[in-house]
Protein backbone atom coordinates (compact mmCIF):
# COMPACT_ATOMS: atom_id res chain seq x y z
CA MET A 1 113.45 47.72 113.15
CA ILE A 2 111.01 47.77 116.06
CA SER A 3 112.42 51.16 117.12
CA LEU A 4 111.66 52.67 113.71
CA ALA A 5 108.19 51.12 113.75
CA THR A 6 107.52 52.65 117.21
CA LEU A 7 108.67 56.07 116.01
CA ALA A 8 106.47 55.78 112.91
CA VAL A 9 103.43 54.92 115.02
CA CYS A 10 104.12 57.92 117.27
CA ALA A 11 104.22 60.14 114.17
CA ALA A 12 101.20 58.77 112.33
CA LEU A 13 98.70 57.65 114.98
CA PRO A 14 98.06 61.04 116.70
CA TRP A 15 97.65 62.72 113.30
CA PHE A 16 95.12 60.21 111.94
CA LEU A 17 93.17 59.98 115.21
CA CYS A 18 92.94 63.76 115.48
CA GLN A 19 91.84 64.13 111.86
CA ALA A 20 89.24 61.39 112.33
CA LEU A 21 87.95 63.11 115.48
CA ARG A 22 87.66 66.47 113.71
CA SER A 23 85.83 64.87 110.80
CA TRP A 24 83.48 62.93 113.10
CA LEU A 25 82.59 66.01 115.15
CA GLY A 26 82.36 68.32 112.14
CA VAL A 27 84.46 71.15 113.52
CA ASP A 28 85.20 72.89 110.19
CA GLY A 29 81.87 74.68 109.86
CA THR A 30 80.96 78.19 110.99
CA ALA A 31 77.59 77.52 112.62
CA PRO A 32 77.19 77.74 116.43
CA ALA A 33 76.90 73.95 116.56
CA ALA A 34 80.31 73.62 114.88
CA GLU A 35 81.76 76.06 117.42
CA ARG A 36 80.50 73.90 120.28
CA GLU A 37 81.99 70.83 118.62
CA ARG A 38 85.35 72.61 118.36
CA GLU A 39 85.39 73.02 122.13
CA ARG A 40 84.40 69.38 122.57
CA CYS A 41 87.12 68.34 120.12
CA GLN A 42 89.75 70.28 122.05
CA ARG A 43 88.72 68.68 125.35
CA LEU A 44 88.89 65.20 123.84
CA THR A 45 92.24 66.00 122.21
CA LEU A 46 93.61 67.26 125.52
CA LEU A 47 92.45 64.07 127.25
CA GLY A 48 94.01 61.96 124.51
CA GLY A 49 97.27 63.87 124.82
CA VAL A 50 97.40 63.43 128.59
CA ILE A 51 97.07 59.68 128.10
CA GLY A 52 98.87 59.25 124.80
CA LEU A 53 102.07 61.27 125.29
CA PRO A 54 103.25 59.35 128.39
CA ALA A 55 102.28 56.15 126.57
CA ALA A 56 104.49 57.18 123.63
CA ALA A 57 107.41 57.85 125.97
CA VAL A 58 106.95 54.50 127.73
CA ALA A 59 106.78 52.71 124.37
CA GLY A 60 109.98 54.44 123.28
CA ALA A 61 111.76 53.32 126.45
CA LEU A 62 110.59 49.72 126.17
CA PHE A 63 111.08 49.22 122.43
CA VAL A 64 114.43 50.95 121.92
CA ASP A 65 116.80 48.83 119.88
CA PRO A 66 119.40 47.32 122.28
CA SER A 67 122.11 48.00 119.68
CA LEU A 68 121.48 51.74 120.14
CA SER A 69 122.28 51.58 123.85
CA THR A 70 124.73 48.74 124.37
CA ARG A 71 127.07 50.60 126.73
CA TRP A 72 124.56 52.91 128.42
CA PRO A 73 121.16 51.18 128.13
CA ALA A 74 119.33 53.53 130.51
CA ALA A 75 120.59 56.59 128.62
CA GLY A 76 119.59 55.06 125.29
CA ALA A 77 116.10 54.27 126.56
CA TRP A 78 115.75 57.78 128.01
CA VAL A 79 116.79 59.44 124.71
CA PHE A 80 114.46 57.30 122.60
CA ALA A 81 111.58 57.85 125.03
CA GLY A 82 112.06 61.61 124.59
CA MET A 83 112.18 61.22 120.80
CA CYS A 84 108.91 59.27 120.76
CA ALA A 85 107.15 61.76 123.06
CA THR A 86 108.39 64.69 120.96
CA THR A 87 107.24 63.03 117.74
CA ALA A 88 103.79 62.21 119.12
CA TRP A 89 103.30 65.71 120.57
CA SER A 90 104.42 67.35 117.31
CA SER A 91 102.02 65.20 115.32
CA LEU A 92 99.16 66.03 117.68
CA SER A 93 99.91 69.77 117.71
CA LEU A 94 100.07 69.97 113.93
CA ALA A 95 96.93 67.90 113.41
CA GLU A 96 94.68 69.82 115.80
CA ARG A 97 95.48 73.39 114.80
CA SER A 98 93.02 75.54 112.85
CA ARG A 99 93.68 77.59 109.71
CA GLU A 100 94.21 80.71 111.84
CA GLU A 101 96.70 78.91 114.08
CA ALA A 102 98.54 77.51 111.05
CA ALA A 103 98.85 81.03 109.61
CA ALA A 104 100.12 82.44 112.93
CA MET A 105 102.79 79.79 113.65
CA SER A 106 104.87 77.79 111.18
CA VAL A 107 105.42 74.05 111.30
CA VAL A 108 109.06 74.54 112.25
CA GLU A 109 108.13 76.82 115.15
CA VAL A 110 105.48 74.39 116.41
CA VAL A 111 107.97 71.51 116.42
CA GLY A 112 110.61 73.72 118.04
CA ARG A 113 108.27 74.64 120.85
CA VAL A 114 107.29 71.02 121.37
CA VAL A 115 110.99 70.22 121.75
CA GLN A 116 111.30 73.04 124.32
CA MET A 117 108.33 71.70 126.30
CA VAL A 118 109.40 68.04 126.16
CA THR A 119 112.91 68.90 127.30
CA VAL A 120 111.62 69.84 130.75
CA PRO A 121 110.17 66.41 131.72
CA ALA A 122 113.13 64.81 129.92
CA ILE A 123 115.48 66.70 132.24
CA ALA A 124 113.39 65.51 135.18
CA VAL A 125 113.68 61.87 134.06
CA ALA A 126 117.43 62.23 133.61
CA LEU A 127 117.87 63.83 137.03
CA SER A 128 115.73 61.12 138.63
CA LEU A 129 117.85 58.36 137.10
CA LEU A 130 121.07 60.15 138.12
CA ALA A 131 119.79 60.62 141.68
CA GLY A 132 119.04 56.94 142.02
CA ALA A 133 122.39 55.91 140.54
CA ALA A 134 124.32 58.35 142.73
CA ILE A 135 122.61 57.17 145.91
CA GLU A 136 123.29 53.55 144.98
CA ALA A 137 126.97 54.23 144.33
CA MET A 138 127.91 56.73 147.03
CA VAL A 139 125.72 56.48 150.12
CA PRO A 140 126.18 53.44 152.41
CA MET A 141 122.58 52.80 153.48
CA VAL A 142 120.25 49.89 153.75
CA ALA A 143 118.28 49.31 150.56
CA PRO A 144 114.91 50.75 151.75
CA ALA A 145 116.54 53.97 152.99
CA ARG A 146 118.44 54.39 149.72
CA ALA A 147 115.24 53.92 147.73
CA VAL A 148 113.30 56.49 149.80
CA LEU A 149 116.10 59.07 149.63
CA ALA A 150 116.46 58.62 145.86
CA ALA A 151 112.68 58.97 145.48
CA LEU A 152 112.61 62.23 147.48
CA LEU A 153 115.48 63.62 145.41
CA SER A 154 113.60 62.63 142.25
CA VAL A 155 110.48 64.51 143.37
CA GLY A 156 112.59 67.57 144.12
CA ALA A 157 114.31 67.26 140.73
CA LEU A 158 110.96 67.33 138.96
CA VAL A 159 109.13 69.98 140.98
CA VAL A 160 112.00 72.44 141.62
CA VAL A 161 115.22 71.75 139.71
CA SER A 162 113.76 70.88 136.30
CA PRO A 163 111.66 74.07 135.83
CA TRP A 164 114.49 76.16 137.33
CA LEU A 165 116.91 74.70 134.79
CA ALA A 166 114.39 75.34 132.00
CA MET A 167 114.52 79.04 132.81
CA GLN A 168 118.28 79.15 133.34
CA LEU A 169 118.85 77.43 129.98
CA GLY A 170 116.44 79.76 128.21
CA LEU A 171 113.85 77.09 127.38
CA TRP A 172 111.34 79.27 129.23
CA ARG A 173 112.48 82.83 128.51
CA LEU A 174 112.38 85.17 131.51
CA LEU A 175 110.67 88.49 130.74
CA PRO A 176 112.54 91.68 131.74
CA PHE A 177 110.27 92.74 134.59
CA ARG A 178 108.81 91.49 137.87
CA LEU A 179 105.39 91.65 139.49
CA GLU A 180 104.84 92.39 143.16
CA SER A 181 102.23 90.50 145.20
CA ALA A 182 101.85 90.42 148.99
CA GLY A 183 105.37 91.73 149.45
CA THR A 184 106.90 89.07 147.18
CA SER A 185 108.62 89.75 143.87
CA TRP A 186 107.55 87.33 141.13
CA ARG A 187 109.44 86.60 137.95
CA VAL A 188 107.43 86.23 134.72
CA ALA A 189 108.53 83.62 132.18
CA HIS A 190 107.27 82.86 128.69
CA LEU A 191 105.78 79.36 128.37
CA PRO A 192 106.51 78.27 124.77
CA ALA A 193 103.25 76.44 124.13
CA PRO A 194 102.91 75.14 120.54
CA ASN A 195 99.57 76.97 120.19
CA PRO A 196 99.85 80.71 119.39
CA PHE A 197 96.40 81.56 120.78
CA LEU A 198 96.37 79.60 124.04
CA THR A 199 95.62 81.98 126.94
CA HIS A 200 97.11 80.45 130.04
CA ALA A 201 98.98 81.46 133.20
CA ALA A 202 100.60 78.99 135.60
CA ALA A 203 102.13 79.91 138.96
CA LEU A 204 105.15 78.13 140.44
CA PRO A 205 104.96 79.48 144.01
CA TRP A 206 108.02 77.53 145.19
CA LEU A 207 110.11 79.40 142.57
CA HIS A 208 108.20 82.72 142.80
CA THR A 209 107.63 82.48 139.06
CA VAL A 210 104.55 82.64 136.86
CA LEU A 211 104.46 81.24 133.31
CA VAL A 212 102.51 83.11 130.61
CA THR A 213 101.64 81.94 127.08
CA ASP A 214 101.58 83.88 123.81
CA GLY A 215 97.80 84.10 123.89
CA LEU A 216 97.95 86.39 126.94
CA LEU A 217 101.11 88.26 125.96
CA LYS A 218 100.01 89.10 122.43
CA ARG A 219 96.21 89.06 122.40
CA ALA A 220 95.36 91.05 125.55
CA PRO A 221 96.40 94.62 126.42
CA ASP A 222 99.39 94.73 128.74
CA SER A 223 97.50 95.95 131.81
CA HIS A 224 94.77 93.35 131.27
CA TRP A 225 96.92 90.24 131.07
CA ARG A 226 98.86 91.51 134.06
CA SER A 227 95.56 91.59 135.97
CA LEU A 228 94.99 87.92 135.18
CA VAL A 229 98.55 87.07 136.25
CA ARG A 230 98.03 88.97 139.53
CA TYR A 231 94.89 86.92 140.06
CA GLU A 232 96.86 83.74 139.39
CA ILE A 233 99.63 84.53 141.88
CA GLY A 234 97.34 85.95 144.56
CA GLY A 235 97.54 84.50 148.07
CA SER A 236 95.61 81.35 148.82
CA GLU A 237 92.38 81.34 150.78
CA GLN A 238 93.18 77.88 152.04
CA SER A 239 94.61 77.42 155.49
CA LYS A 240 98.30 76.66 155.78
CA SER A 241 97.50 73.25 157.24
CA GLU A 242 95.33 72.36 154.23
CA ARG A 243 98.04 73.35 151.75
CA THR A 244 100.63 71.40 153.72
CA ALA A 245 98.40 68.32 153.82
CA ARG A 246 97.82 68.40 150.06
CA TRP A 247 101.52 68.72 149.30
CA LEU A 248 102.40 66.03 151.84
CA VAL A 249 100.02 63.58 150.16
CA ALA A 250 101.41 64.48 146.73
CA VAL A 251 105.03 64.02 147.81
CA VAL A 252 104.37 60.74 149.60
CA LEU A 253 102.44 59.23 146.68
CA SER A 254 105.04 60.40 144.18
CA SER A 255 107.87 59.01 146.29
CA VAL A 256 106.09 55.64 146.49
CA LEU A 257 105.89 55.58 142.70
CA PHE A 258 109.59 56.38 142.31
CA VAL A 259 110.43 53.58 144.76
CA ALA A 260 108.18 51.24 142.77
CA ALA A 261 109.89 52.36 139.54
CA SER A 262 113.27 51.41 140.99
CA ALA A 263 111.92 48.00 141.99
CA VAL A 264 110.30 47.35 138.60
CA GLY A 265 113.42 48.39 136.70
CA ALA A 266 115.97 46.65 138.92
CA SER A 267 116.70 43.99 136.29
CA ASP A 268 116.15 45.96 133.07
CA PRO A 269 117.24 49.58 132.40
CA ARG A 270 114.52 49.99 129.78
CA LYS A 271 111.84 49.10 132.31
CA LEU A 272 113.50 51.47 134.78
CA VAL A 273 113.20 54.40 132.35
CA ALA A 274 109.62 53.49 131.41
CA ALA A 275 108.55 53.27 135.06
CA THR A 276 110.39 56.52 135.87
CA VAL A 277 108.53 58.28 133.04
CA LEU A 278 105.22 57.26 134.61
CA ALA A 279 106.42 58.43 138.05
CA VAL A 280 107.42 61.79 136.56
CA VAL A 281 104.02 62.19 134.87
CA PHE A 282 102.21 61.34 138.10
CA THR A 283 104.38 63.74 140.11
CA GLY A 284 103.67 66.56 137.67
CA ALA A 285 99.93 65.92 137.89
CA SER A 286 99.91 65.56 141.68
CA SER A 287 101.89 68.79 142.18
CA TRP A 288 99.39 70.58 139.91
CA PHE A 289 96.49 69.33 142.03
CA ALA A 290 98.32 70.20 145.25
CA ASN A 291 98.85 73.75 143.95
CA ARG A 292 95.27 74.06 142.69
CA GLN A 293 92.73 76.03 144.69
CA PRO A 294 89.06 75.02 144.95
CA ALA A 295 86.71 76.58 142.40
CA SER A 296 84.68 78.03 145.27
CA THR A 297 87.61 80.26 146.27
CA LEU A 298 86.60 83.48 144.52
CA THR A 299 87.42 86.15 147.11
CA LEU A 300 90.09 88.43 145.69
CA ASP A 301 93.17 89.36 147.69
CA THR A 302 94.00 92.94 148.58
CA ASP A 303 97.09 92.80 146.34
CA GLY A 304 95.20 91.16 143.50
CA PRO A 305 93.09 92.71 140.73
CA SER A 306 89.64 94.12 141.35
CA MET A 307 86.51 92.51 139.94
CA GLN A 308 86.36 95.33 137.39
CA GLU A 309 89.93 94.63 136.26
CA LEU A 310 89.20 90.92 135.88
CA ALA A 311 86.05 91.71 133.87
CA GLN A 312 88.06 94.00 131.58
CA THR A 313 90.63 91.24 131.08
CA LEU A 314 88.01 88.68 130.06
CA ARG A 315 86.30 91.20 127.78
CA SER A 316 89.57 92.22 126.08
CA LEU A 317 90.54 88.67 125.08
CA PRO A 318 89.07 87.81 121.67
CA PRO A 319 87.34 84.41 121.68
CA ILE A 320 89.33 81.61 120.07
CA GLU A 321 88.37 78.18 118.89
CA GLY A 322 87.92 75.74 121.72
CA GLN A 323 88.73 78.07 124.63
CA ALA A 324 85.94 80.18 126.08
CA LEU A 325 87.93 81.62 128.99
CA PRO A 326 91.62 82.03 129.80
CA ARG A 327 93.13 79.35 132.02
CA THR A 328 95.19 79.48 135.14
CA SER A 329 96.77 76.59 136.99
CA HIS A 330 96.66 77.97 140.52
CA ARG A 331 93.26 79.70 140.75
CA PRO A 332 90.32 78.59 138.56
CA VAL A 333 88.92 80.97 135.95
CA GLY A 334 85.68 79.47 134.75
CA GLY A 335 81.91 79.73 134.72
CA ALA A 336 81.64 80.23 138.48
CA LEU A 337 83.88 83.31 138.44
CA TYR A 338 82.15 84.60 135.30
CA ASP A 339 78.76 84.36 137.05
CA ARG A 340 80.12 86.13 140.13
CA LEU A 341 81.43 88.99 137.99
CA PHE A 342 78.13 89.28 136.17
CA ALA A 343 76.12 89.20 139.42
CA LEU A 344 78.23 92.04 140.82
CA GLY A 345 77.41 94.22 137.80
CA HIS A 346 80.65 93.80 135.84
CA ASP A 347 80.54 92.92 132.15
CA PRO A 348 83.00 90.07 131.42
CA GLY A 349 81.94 89.70 127.78
CA PRO A 350 80.00 86.84 126.10
CA ARG A 351 78.94 83.97 128.34
CA PRO A 352 81.19 80.96 127.76
CA ARG A 353 79.48 78.00 126.11
CA ALA A 354 81.24 75.48 128.36
């Protein structure tokens, strides 16, 4: 019974909270003030999702009915954690979308894309648990060494193997072309975000892959969204030592959390899955920050787009509710870059409100 109650809360709570937030902020109007509130609503919803979705997965792992996982308790907790996260994300995605977004993407497609997105961290959790179990069973080491090795394998499973499997399994569809940058061939994959208008590009340098959402693929001319992707995958202005230091810190901290997860869950498989979920979430966030470049890094690379090309890209993207500028995960596209383009005499379109 407590499992069904947890699943019901994951379905209802995000919906009602999002509807209450939209009503409180008054985002359904057409005045400029309502437009600003839509952006504020999206930021608050994003923050709530970052906190709430891992919480839903942890609740699913802790409150799974023992009768559903008598023989394989860790597997049962892992499956129910994924179900709760999927339910909560689906509820949030359906509650926050506008009339235009509802017309562009059906409920079934939104839920299907949420399932595609949730599968990737779910694979990472499964691989992390398998890595720990395999090390425990096969490698004759002292306990601390086993824990550290299992933690390092878990970090690798999340950062490298899980996204690679997502593309191999077709969860992130590879597009039939490549982009060249600094002598490296990059694959382009479709990121199935449950928002049809989200304009976002995310580089995975360790896999030579860049992820692109529907908002860029369908709403910007081909040459323009390619310019933004070239900007995203351009070489870093940071020194090699700085990049190495950031990744080293991220890997060490993530490994410590995976070791702690093993210690917390030593006596209870449900606690093990819950703690592993938190370690996976932290590792994903820390790898994003390690891959992120400072906002002050605005010098374009010789293989990247020109300032004029970037301005044309920003101008060609029609404004959508709650997103003034396209997003990238590797190199910031925001007000600072907009001001630089404007100062150099290039017209990037209307000034973003946020």
